[in-house]
Amino acid sequence: MKPKRLEELQEIARKLTFSALEAFVIPEEYRATMTLGVFFEGDVRVFELYVPGEQPKDAKIISRARIDSRTGEGSVEVIGLALKSPSSSTPDSLP
């Protein structure tokens, strides 16, 4: 099976991440500076959504999407965000 283009994998990661983050509260101060990074682990492309810090070690990773470059299947891990309360009726969309 031929690997998918990085742009295709990024779109898959974006959709999965957006869906996963709907259940979490994203602090307002994160929204203006959220950044997407990508790195390769064999056939897997790892897309991390993070808030940069003054030093790279100070970055706050919000989510990590792991997408198989051959199948396009993936999963998302949300890191360090609080779940929305069940009574919250206001959608919390990403920028």
PDB file of N, CA and C in Angstrom:
ATOM      1  N   MET A   1       0.848  -1.175   0.000  1.00  0.00           N
ATOM      2  CA  MET A   1       0.000   0.000   0.000  1.00  0.00           C
ATOM      3  C   MET A   1       0.897   1.243   0.000  1.00  0.00           C
ATOM      4  N   LYS A   2       0.606   2.164  -0.869  1.00  0.00           N
ATOM      5  CA  LYS A   2       1.404   3.383  -0.997  1.00  0.00           C
ATOM      6  C   LYS A   2       1.068   4.354   0.147  1.00  0.00           C
ATOM      7  N   PRO A   3       2.096   4.965   0.764  1.00  0.00           N
ATOM      8  CA  PRO A   3       1.821   5.930   1.847  1.00  0.00           C
ATOM      9  C   PRO A   3       1.026   7.136   1.345  1.00  0.00           C
ATOM     10  N   LYS A   4       0.179   7.654   2.202  1.00  0.00           N
ATOM     11  CA  LYS A   4      -0.617   8.841   1.875  1.00  0.00           C
ATOM     12  C   LYS A   4       0.262  10.076   2.002  1.00  0.00           C
ATOM     13  N   ARG A   5      -0.097  11.126   1.282  1.00  0.00           N
ATOM     14  CA  ARG A   5       0.641  12.389   1.357  1.00  0.00           C
ATOM     15  C   ARG A   5       0.464  13.016   2.734  1.00  0.00           C
ATOM     16  N   LEU A   6       1.468  13.751   3.168  1.00  0.00           N
ATOM     17  CA  LEU A   6       1.444  14.387   4.476  1.00  0.00           C
ATOM     18  C   LEU A   6       0.227  15.297   4.631  1.00  0.00           C
ATOM     19  N   GLU A   7      -0.160  15.992   3.574  1.00  0.00           N
ATOM     20  CA  GLU A   7      -1.326  16.884   3.631  1.00  0.00           C
ATOM     21  C   GLU A   7      -2.600  16.103   3.932  1.00  0.00           C
ATOM     22  N   GLU A   8      -2.735  14.921   3.352  1.00  0.00           N
ATOM     23  CA  GLU A   8      -3.901  14.073   3.618  1.00  0.00           C
ATOM     24  C   GLU A   8      -3.914  13.610   5.072  1.00  0.00           C
ATOM     25  N   LEU A   9      -2.745  13.207   5.550  1.00  0.00           N
ATOM     26  CA  LEU A   9      -2.637  12.741   6.930  1.00  0.00           C
ATOM     27  C   LEU A   9      -2.911  13.873   7.913  1.00  0.00           C
ATOM     28  N   GLN A  10      -2.451  15.075   7.581  1.00  0.00           N
ATOM     29  CA  GLN A  10      -2.694  16.233   8.445  1.00  0.00           C
ATOM     30  C   GLN A  10      -4.185  16.538   8.530  1.00  0.00           C
ATOM     31  N   GLU A  11      -4.893  16.403   7.435  1.00  0.00           N
ATOM     32  CA  GLU A  11      -6.340  16.641   7.448  1.00  0.00           C
ATOM     33  C   GLU A  11      -7.066  15.587   8.286  1.00  0.00           C
ATOM     34  N   ILE A  12      -6.635  14.334   8.188  1.00  0.00           N
ATOM     35  CA  ILE A  12      -7.210  13.275   9.021  1.00  0.00           C
ATOM     36  C   ILE A  12      -6.962  13.598  10.488  1.00  0.00           C
ATOM     37  N   ALA A  13      -5.720  13.994  10.813  1.00  0.00           N
ATOM     38  CA  ALA A  13      -5.367  14.342  12.191  1.00  0.00           C
ATOM     39  C   ALA A  13      -6.186  15.530  12.676  1.00  0.00           C
ATOM     40  N   ARG A  14      -6.387  16.527  11.813  1.00  0.00           N
ATOM     41  CA  ARG A  14      -7.155  17.715  12.192  1.00  0.00           C
ATOM     42  C   ARG A  14      -8.585  17.334  12.568  1.00  0.00           C
ATOM     43  N   LYS A  15      -9.222  16.517  11.749  1.00  0.00           N
ATOM     44  CA  LYS A  15     -10.607  16.116  12.021  1.00  0.00           C
ATOM     45  C   LYS A  15     -10.712  15.291  13.303  1.00  0.00           C
ATOM     46  N   LEU A  16      -9.811  14.323  13.461  1.00  0.00           N
ATOM     47  CA  LEU A  16      -9.834  13.504  14.673  1.00  0.00           C
ATOM     48  C   LEU A  16      -9.564  14.345  15.918  1.00  0.00           C
ATOM     49  N   THR A  17      -8.612  15.266  15.821  1.00  0.00           N
ATOM     50  CA  THR A  17      -8.262  16.122  16.959  1.00  0.00           C
ATOM     51  C   THR A  17      -9.417  17.042  17.310  1.00  0.00           C
ATOM     52  N   PHE A  18     -10.009  17.671  16.316  1.00  0.00           N
ATOM     53  CA  PHE A  18     -11.135  18.569  16.562  1.00  0.00           C
ATOM     54  C   PHE A  18     -12.263  17.827  17.275  1.00  0.00           C
ATOM     55  N   SER A  19     -12.550  16.621  16.806  1.00  0.00           N
ATOM     56  CA  SER A  19     -13.608  15.814  17.414  1.00  0.00           C
ATOM     57  C   SER A  19     -13.255  15.470  18.868  1.00  0.00           C
ATOM     58  N   ALA A  20     -12.009  15.067  19.100  1.00  0.00           N
ATOM     59  CA  ALA A  20     -11.584  14.694  20.454  1.00  0.00           C
ATOM     60  C   ALA A  20     -11.624  15.884  21.399  1.00  0.00           C
ATOM     61  N   LEU A  21     -11.250  17.065  20.909  1.00  0.00           N
ATOM     62  CA  LEU A  21     -11.172  18.246  21.776  1.00  0.00           C
ATOM     63  C   LEU A  21     -12.536  18.851  22.106  1.00  0.00           C
ATOM     64  N   GLU A  22     -13.588  18.452  21.407  1.00  0.00           N
ATOM     65  CA  GLU A  22     -14.923  18.991  21.685  1.00  0.00           C
ATOM     66  C   GLU A  22     -15.366  18.733  23.121  1.00  0.00           C
ATOM     67  N   ALA A  23     -14.850  17.686  23.736  1.00  0.00           N
ATOM     68  CA  ALA A  23     -15.249  17.327  25.098  1.00  0.00           C
ATOM     69  C   ALA A  23     -14.425  18.032  26.172  1.00  0.00           C
ATOM     70  N   PHE A  24     -13.460  18.862  25.748  1.00  0.00           N
ATOM     71  CA  PHE A  24     -12.538  19.479  26.694  1.00  0.00           C
ATOM     72  C   PHE A  24     -12.616  21.004  26.660  1.00  0.00           C
ATOM     73  N   VAL A  25     -12.201  21.616  27.760  1.00  0.00           N
ATOM     74  CA  VAL A  25     -12.121  23.075  27.866  1.00  0.00           C
ATOM     75  C   VAL A  25     -10.733  23.499  27.391  1.00  0.00           C
ATOM     76  N   ILE A  26     -10.699  24.379  26.403  1.00  0.00           N
ATOM     77  CA  ILE A  26      -9.430  24.914  25.925  1.00  0.00           C
ATOM     78  C   ILE A  26      -9.294  26.324  26.482  1.00  0.00           C
ATOM     79  N   PRO A  27      -8.307  26.551  27.351  1.00  0.00           N
ATOM     80  CA  PRO A  27      -8.151  27.879  27.940  1.00  0.00           C
ATOM     81  C   PRO A  27      -8.005  28.960  26.864  1.00  0.00           C
ATOM     82  N   GLU A  28      -8.651  30.076  27.076  1.00  0.00           N
ATOM     83  CA  GLU A  28      -8.646  31.173  26.109  1.00  0.00           C
ATOM     84  C   GLU A  28      -7.226  31.605  25.761  1.00  0.00           C
ATOM     85  N   GLU A  29      -6.329  31.618  26.747  1.00  0.00           N
ATOM     86  CA  GLU A  29      -4.956  32.071  26.491  1.00  0.00           C
ATOM     87  C   GLU A  29      -4.176  31.116  25.577  1.00  0.00           C
ATOM     88  N   TYR A  30      -4.639  29.888  25.403  1.00  0.00           N
ATOM     89  CA  TYR A  30      -3.982  28.943  24.497  1.00  0.00           C
ATOM     90  C   TYR A  30      -4.336  29.216  23.037  1.00  0.00           C
ATOM     91  N   ARG A  31      -5.522  29.722  22.805  1.00  0.00           N
ATOM     92  CA  ARG A  31      -6.073  29.805  21.449  1.00  0.00           C
ATOM     93  C   ARG A  31      -5.223  30.599  20.463  1.00  0.00           C
ATOM     94  N   ALA A  32      -4.652  31.704  20.889  1.00  0.00           N
ATOM     95  CA  ALA A  32      -3.904  32.570  19.974  1.00  0.00           C
ATOM     96  C   ALA A  32      -2.556  31.987  19.573  1.00  0.00           C
ATOM     97  N   THR A  33      -2.031  31.070  20.367  1.00  0.00           N
ATOM     98  CA  THR A  33      -0.667  30.594  20.097  1.00  0.00           C
ATOM     99  C   THR A  33      -0.566  29.100  19.813  1.00  0.00           C
ATOM    100  N   MET A  34      -1.694  28.409  19.737  1.00  0.00           N
ATOM    101  CA  MET A  34      -1.628  26.965  19.468  1.00  0.00           C
ATOM    102  C   MET A  34      -0.896  26.720  18.148  1.00  0.00           C
ATOM    103  N   THR A  35      -0.023  25.722  18.159  1.00  0.00           N
ATOM    104  CA  THR A  35       0.835  25.408  17.019  1.00  0.00           C
ATOM    105  C   THR A  35       0.769  23.910  16.758  1.00  0.00           C
ATOM    106  N   LEU A  36       0.893  23.536  15.486  1.00  0.00           N
ATOM    107  CA  LEU A  36       0.901  22.123  15.122  1.00  0.00           C
ATOM    108  C   LEU A  36       2.311  21.719  14.733  1.00  0.00           C
ATOM    109  N   GLY A  37       2.800  20.666  15.346  1.00  0.00           N
ATOM    110  CA  GLY A  37       4.095  20.089  14.983  1.00  0.00           C
ATOM    111  C   GLY A  37       3.878  18.676  14.493  1.00  0.00           C
ATOM    112  N   VAL A  38       4.785  18.191  13.655  1.00  0.00           N
ATOM    113  CA  VAL A  38       4.677  16.826  13.139  1.00  0.00           C
ATOM    114  C   VAL A  38       6.051  16.174  13.177  1.00  0.00           C
ATOM    115  N   PHE A  39       6.056  14.900  13.523  1.00  0.00           N
ATOM    116  CA  PHE A  39       7.284  14.125  13.406  1.00  0.00           C
ATOM    117  C   PHE A  39       6.936  12.713  12.978  1.00  0.00           C
ATOM    118  N   PHE A  40       7.944  11.998  12.514  1.00  0.00           N
ATOM    119  CA  PHE A  40       7.740  10.675  11.935  1.00  0.00           C
ATOM    120  C   PHE A  40       8.264   9.616  12.890  1.00  0.00           C
ATOM    121  N   GLU A  41       7.496   8.524  13.028  1.00  0.00           N
ATOM    122  CA  GLU A  41       7.902   7.333  13.776  1.00  0.00           C
ATOM    123  C   GLU A  41       7.616   6.134  12.889  1.00  0.00           C
ATOM    124  N   GLY A  42       8.564   5.767  12.034  1.00  0.00           N
ATOM    125  CA  GLY A  42       8.342   4.685  11.083  1.00  0.00           C
ATOM    126  C   GLY A  42       7.230   5.064  10.113  1.00  0.00           C
ATOM    127  N   ASP A  43       6.183   4.216  10.031  1.00  0.00           N
ATOM    128  CA  ASP A  43       5.048   4.488   9.142  1.00  0.00           C
ATOM    129  C   ASP A  43       4.005   5.405   9.777  1.00  0.00           C
ATOM    130  N   VAL A  44       4.225   5.807  11.013  1.00  0.00           N
ATOM    131  CA  VAL A  44       3.266   6.649  11.735  1.00  0.00           C
ATOM    132  C   VAL A  44       3.709   8.107  11.686  1.00  0.00           C
ATOM    133  N   ARG A  45       2.748   8.984  11.455  1.00  0.00           N
ATOM    134  CA  ARG A  45       3.001  10.422  11.533  1.00  0.00           C
ATOM    135  C   ARG A  45       2.325  10.902  12.813  1.00  0.00           C
ATOM    136  N   VAL A  46       3.078  11.627  13.628  1.00  0.00           N
ATOM    137  CA  VAL A  46       2.574  12.099  14.908  1.00  0.00           C
ATOM    138  C   VAL A  46       2.386  13.610  14.801  1.00  0.00           C
ATOM    139  N   PHE A  47       1.150  14.055  15.011  1.00  0.00           N
ATOM    140  CA  PHE A  47       0.804  15.471  14.948  1.00  0.00           C
ATOM    141  C   PHE A  47       0.508  15.946  16.360  1.00  0.00           C
ATOM    142  N   GLU A  48       1.302  16.883  16.849  1.00  0.00           N
ATOM    143  CA  GLU A  48       1.096  17.414  18.190  1.00  0.00           C
ATOM    144  C   GLU A  48       0.587  18.842  18.106  1.00  0.00           C
ATOM    145  N   LEU A  49      -0.498  19.099  18.816  1.00  0.00           N
ATOM    146  CA  LEU A  49      -1.025  20.448  18.968  1.00  0.00           C
ATOM    147  C   LEU A  49      -0.482  20.940  20.307  1.00  0.00           C
ATOM    148  N   TYR A  50       0.210  22.074  20.282  1.00  0.00           N
ATOM    149  CA  TYR A  50       0.846  22.543  21.508  1.00  0.00           C
ATOM    150  C   TYR A  50       0.865  24.058  21.590  1.00  0.00           C
ATOM    151  N   VAL A  51       1.122  24.528  22.795  1.00  0.00           N
ATOM    152  CA  VAL A  51       1.308  25.958  23.055  1.00  0.00           C
ATOM    153  C   VAL A  51       2.797  26.124  23.332  1.00  0.00           C
ATOM    154  N   PRO A  52       3.501  26.913  22.500  1.00  0.00           N
ATOM    155  CA  PRO A  52       4.933  27.062  22.707  1.00  0.00           C
ATOM    156  C   PRO A  52       5.254  27.747  24.032  1.00  0.00           C
ATOM    157  N   GLY A  53       6.411  27.423  24.580  1.00  0.00           N
ATOM    158  CA  GLY A  53       6.921  28.084  25.770  1.00  0.00           C
ATOM    159  C   GLY A  53       8.135  28.907  25.393  1.00  0.00           C
ATOM    160  N   GLU A  54       8.742  29.572  26.379  1.00  0.00           N
ATOM    161  CA  GLU A  54       9.947  30.342  26.087  1.00  0.00           C
ATOM    162  C   GLU A  54      11.060  29.433  25.591  1.00  0.00           C
ATOM    163  N   GLN A  55      11.150  28.255  26.152  1.00  0.00           N
ATOM    164  CA  GLN A  55      12.107  27.236  25.729  1.00  0.00           C
ATOM    165  C   GLN A  55      11.302  26.051  25.190  1.00  0.00           C
ATOM    166  N   PRO A  56      11.860  25.301  24.239  1.00  0.00           N
ATOM    167  CA  PRO A  56      11.116  24.138  23.721  1.00  0.00           C
ATOM    168  C   PRO A  56      10.626  23.193  24.822  1.00  0.00           C
ATOM    169  N   LYS A  57      11.413  23.026  25.867  1.00  0.00           N
ATOM    170  CA  LYS A  57      11.012  22.123  26.960  1.00  0.00           C
ATOM    171  C   LYS A  57       9.813  22.655  27.733  1.00  0.00           C
ATOM    172  N   ASP A  58       9.498  23.944  27.564  1.00  0.00           N
ATOM    173  CA  ASP A  58       8.376  24.567  28.271  1.00  0.00           C
ATOM    174  C   ASP A  58       7.059  24.498  27.494  1.00  0.00           C
ATOM    175  N   ALA A  59       7.078  23.919  26.305  1.00  0.00           N
ATOM    176  CA  ALA A  59       5.858  23.815  25.501  1.00  0.00           C
ATOM    177  C   ALA A  59       4.828  22.964  26.240  1.00  0.00           C
ATOM    178  N   LYS A  60       3.550  23.325  26.087  1.00  0.00           N
ATOM    179  CA  LYS A  60       2.447  22.560  26.691  1.00  0.00           C
ATOM    180  C   LYS A  60       1.736  21.807  25.572  1.00  0.00           C
ATOM    181  N   ILE A  61       1.908  20.499  25.557  1.00  0.00           N
ATOM    182  CA  ILE A  61       1.252  19.683  24.541  1.00  0.00           C
ATOM    183  C   ILE A  61      -0.210  19.521  24.929  1.00  0.00           C
ATOM    184  N   ILE A  62      -1.096  19.798  23.985  1.00  0.00           N
ATOM    185  CA  ILE A  62      -2.542  19.708  24.203  1.00  0.00           C
ATOM    186  C   ILE A  62      -3.078  18.373  23.697  1.00  0.00           C
ATOM    187  N   SER A  63      -2.595  17.969  22.521  1.00  0.00           N
ATOM    188  CA  SER A  63      -3.054  16.696  21.967  1.00  0.00           C
ATOM    189  C   SER A  63      -1.977  16.089  21.089  1.00  0.00           C
ATOM    190  N   ARG A  64      -2.085  14.769  20.926  1.00  0.00           N
ATOM    191  CA  ARG A  64      -1.153  14.026  20.083  1.00  0.00           C
ATOM    192  C   ARG A  64      -1.976  13.060  19.234  1.00  0.00           C
ATOM    193  N   ALA A  65      -1.961  13.289  17.920  1.00  0.00           N
ATOM    194  CA  ALA A  65      -2.664  12.397  16.989  1.00  0.00           C
ATOM    195  C   ALA A  65      -1.625  11.533  16.282  1.00  0.00           C
ATOM    196  N   ARG A  66      -1.840  10.241  16.307  1.00  0.00           N
ATOM    197  CA  ARG A  66      -0.942   9.290  15.650  1.00  0.00           C
ATOM    198  C   ARG A  66      -1.703   8.689  14.464  1.00  0.00           C
ATOM    199  N   ILE A  67      -1.192   8.942  13.252  1.00  0.00           N
ATOM    200  CA  ILE A  67      -1.871   8.514  12.037  1.00  0.00           C
ATOM    201  C   ILE A  67      -0.955   7.582  11.246  1.00  0.00           C
ATOM    202  N   ASP A  68      -1.467   6.401  10.892  1.00  0.00           N
ATOM    203  CA  ASP A  68      -0.716   5.455  10.069  1.00  0.00           C
ATOM    204  C   ASP A  68      -0.667   6.009   8.642  1.00  0.00           C
ATOM    205  N   SER A  69       0.531   6.173   8.108  1.00  0.00           N
ATOM    206  CA  SER A  69       0.681   6.796   6.787  1.00  0.00           C
ATOM    207  C   SER A  69       0.209   5.900   5.649  1.00  0.00           C
ATOM    208  N   ARG A  70       0.037   4.641   5.904  1.00  0.00           N
ATOM    209  CA  ARG A  70      -0.416   3.727   4.841  1.00  0.00           C
ATOM    210  C   ARG A  70      -1.928   3.546   4.852  1.00  0.00           C
ATOM    211  N   THR A  71      -2.510   3.401   6.041  1.00  0.00           N
ATOM    212  CA  THR A  71      -3.950   3.136   6.125  1.00  0.00           C
ATOM    213  C   THR A  71      -4.774   4.393   6.377  1.00  0.00           C
ATOM    214  N   GLY A  72      -4.159   5.434   6.954  1.00  0.00           N
ATOM    215  CA  GLY A  72      -4.895   6.640   7.316  1.00  0.00           C
ATOM    216  C   GLY A  72      -5.652   6.510   8.626  1.00  0.00           C
ATOM    217  N   GLU A  73      -5.519   5.360   9.295  1.00  0.00           N
ATOM    218  CA  GLU A  73      -6.192   5.171  10.586  1.00  0.00           C
ATOM    219  C   GLU A  73      -5.391   5.860  11.672  1.00  0.00           C
ATOM    220  N   GLY A  74      -6.104   6.358  12.692  1.00  0.00           N
ATOM    221  CA  GLY A  74      -5.383   7.058  13.732  1.00  0.00           C
ATOM    222  C   GLY A  74      -6.128   7.134  15.049  1.00  0.00           C
ATOM    223  N   SER A  75      -5.445   7.718  16.004  1.00  0.00           N
ATOM    224  CA  SER A  75      -6.013   7.920  17.334  1.00  0.00           C
ATOM    225  C   SER A  75      -5.484   9.238  17.878  1.00  0.00           C
ATOM    226  N   VAL A  76      -6.214   9.789  18.851  1.00  0.00           N
ATOM    227  CA  VAL A  76      -5.831  11.069  19.456  1.00  0.00           C
ATOM    228  C   VAL A  76      -5.786  10.908  20.968  1.00  0.00           C
ATOM    229  N   GLU A  77      -4.748  11.453  21.558  1.00  0.00           N
ATOM    230  CA  GLU A  77      -4.595  11.515  23.001  1.00  0.00           C
ATOM    231  C   GLU A  77      -4.673  12.987  23.387  1.00  0.00           C
ATOM    232  N   VAL A  78      -5.572  13.338  24.301  1.00  0.00           N
ATOM    233  CA  VAL A  78      -5.690  14.710  24.800  1.00  0.00           C
ATOM    234  C   VAL A  78      -4.936  14.763  26.118  1.00  0.00           C
ATOM    235  N   ILE A  79      -4.114  15.816  26.269  1.00  0.00           N
ATOM    236  CA  ILE A  79      -3.191  15.886  27.396  1.00  0.00           C
ATOM    237  C   ILE A  79      -3.408  17.177  28.188  1.00  0.00           C
ATOM    238  N   GLY A  80      -3.654  17.044  29.481  1.00  0.00           N
ATOM    239  CA  GLY A  80      -3.653  18.185  30.386  1.00  0.00           C
ATOM    240  C   GLY A  80      -4.804  19.168  30.269  1.00  0.00           C
ATOM    241  N   LEU A  81      -5.900  18.789  29.647  1.00  0.00           N
ATOM    242  CA  LEU A  81      -7.064  19.666  29.565  1.00  0.00           C
ATOM    243  C   LEU A  81      -8.192  19.089  30.406  1.00  0.00           C
ATOM    244  N   ALA A  82      -8.999  19.982  30.964  1.00  0.00           N
ATOM    245  CA  ALA A  82     -10.145  19.552  31.768  1.00  0.00           C
ATOM    246  C   ALA A  82     -11.327  19.225  30.865  1.00  0.00           C
ATOM    247  N   LEU A  83     -12.088  18.210  31.262  1.00  0.00           N
ATOM    248  CA  LEU A  83     -13.334  17.896  30.555  1.00  0.00           C
ATOM    249  C   LEU A  83     -14.357  18.990  30.803  1.00  0.00           C
ATOM    250  N   LYS A  84     -15.188  19.245  29.803  1.00  0.00           N
ATOM    251  CA  LYS A  84     -16.286  20.193  29.983  1.00  0.00           C
ATOM    252  C   LYS A  84     -17.278  19.606  30.976  1.00  0.00           C
ATOM    253  N   SER A  85     -17.956  20.476  31.679  1.00  0.00           N
ATOM    254  CA  SER A  85     -18.984  19.989  32.594  1.00  0.00           C
ATOM    255  C   SER A  85     -20.201  19.574  31.778  1.00  0.00           C
ATOM    256  N   PRO A  86     -20.944  18.583  32.234  1.00  0.00           N
ATOM    257  CA  PRO A  86     -22.117  18.104  31.500  1.00  0.00           C
ATOM    258  C   PRO A  86     -23.162  19.198  31.276  1.00  0.00           C
ATOM    259  N   SER A  87     -23.203  20.193  32.141  1.00  0.00           N
ATOM    260  CA  SER A  87     -24.207  21.253  32.024  1.00  0.00           C
ATOM    261  C   SER A  87     -23.795  22.343  31.043  1.00  0.00           C
ATOM    262  N   SER A  88     -22.557  22.291  30.550  1.00  0.00           N
ATOM    263  CA  SER A  88     -22.060  23.307  29.600  1.00  0.00           C
ATOM    264  C   SER A  88     -22.786  23.152  28.284  1.00  0.00           C
ATOM    265  N   SER A  89     -23.448  24.209  27.852  1.00  0.00           N
ATOM    266  CA  SER A  89     -24.191  24.148  26.589  1.00  0.00           C
ATOM    267  C   SER A  89     -23.540  24.996  25.507  1.00  0.00           C
ATOM    268  N   THR A  90     -22.455  25.691  25.841  1.00  0.00           N
ATOM    269  CA  THR A  90     -21.783  26.552  24.867  1.00  0.00           C
ATOM    270  C   THR A  90     -20.708  25.763  24.160  1.00  0.00           C
ATOM    271  N   PRO A  91     -20.800  25.673  22.816  1.00  0.00           N
ATOM    272  CA  PRO A  91     -19.747  24.957  22.093  1.00  0.00           C
ATOM    273  C   PRO A  91     -18.419  25.687  22.226  1.00  0.00           C
ATOM    274  N   ASP A  92     -17.343  24.933  22.306  1.00  0.00           N
ATOM    275  CA  ASP A  92     -16.013  25.488  22.470  1.00  0.00           C
ATOM    276  C   ASP A  92     -15.224  25.163  21.220  1.00  0.00           C
ATOM    277  N   SER A  93     -15.347  25.987  20.182  1.00  0.00           N
ATOM    278  CA  SER A  93     -14.715  25.685  18.908  1.00  0.00           C
ATOM    279  C   SER A  93     -13.278  26.184  18.863  1.00  0.00           C
ATOM    280  N   LEU A  94     -12.489  25.512  18.048  1.00  0.00           N
ATOM    281  CA  LEU A  94     -11.100  25.909  17.859  1.00  0.00           C
ATOM    282  C   LEU A  94     -11.048  27.082  16.903  1.00  0.00           C
ATOM    283  N   PRO A  95      -9.946  27.840  16.959  1.00  0.00           N
ATOM    284  CA  PRO A  95      -9.831  28.965  16.013  1.00  0.00           C
ATOM    285  C   PRO A  95      -9.693  28.484  14.602  1.00  0.00           C
TER     286      PRO A  95
END
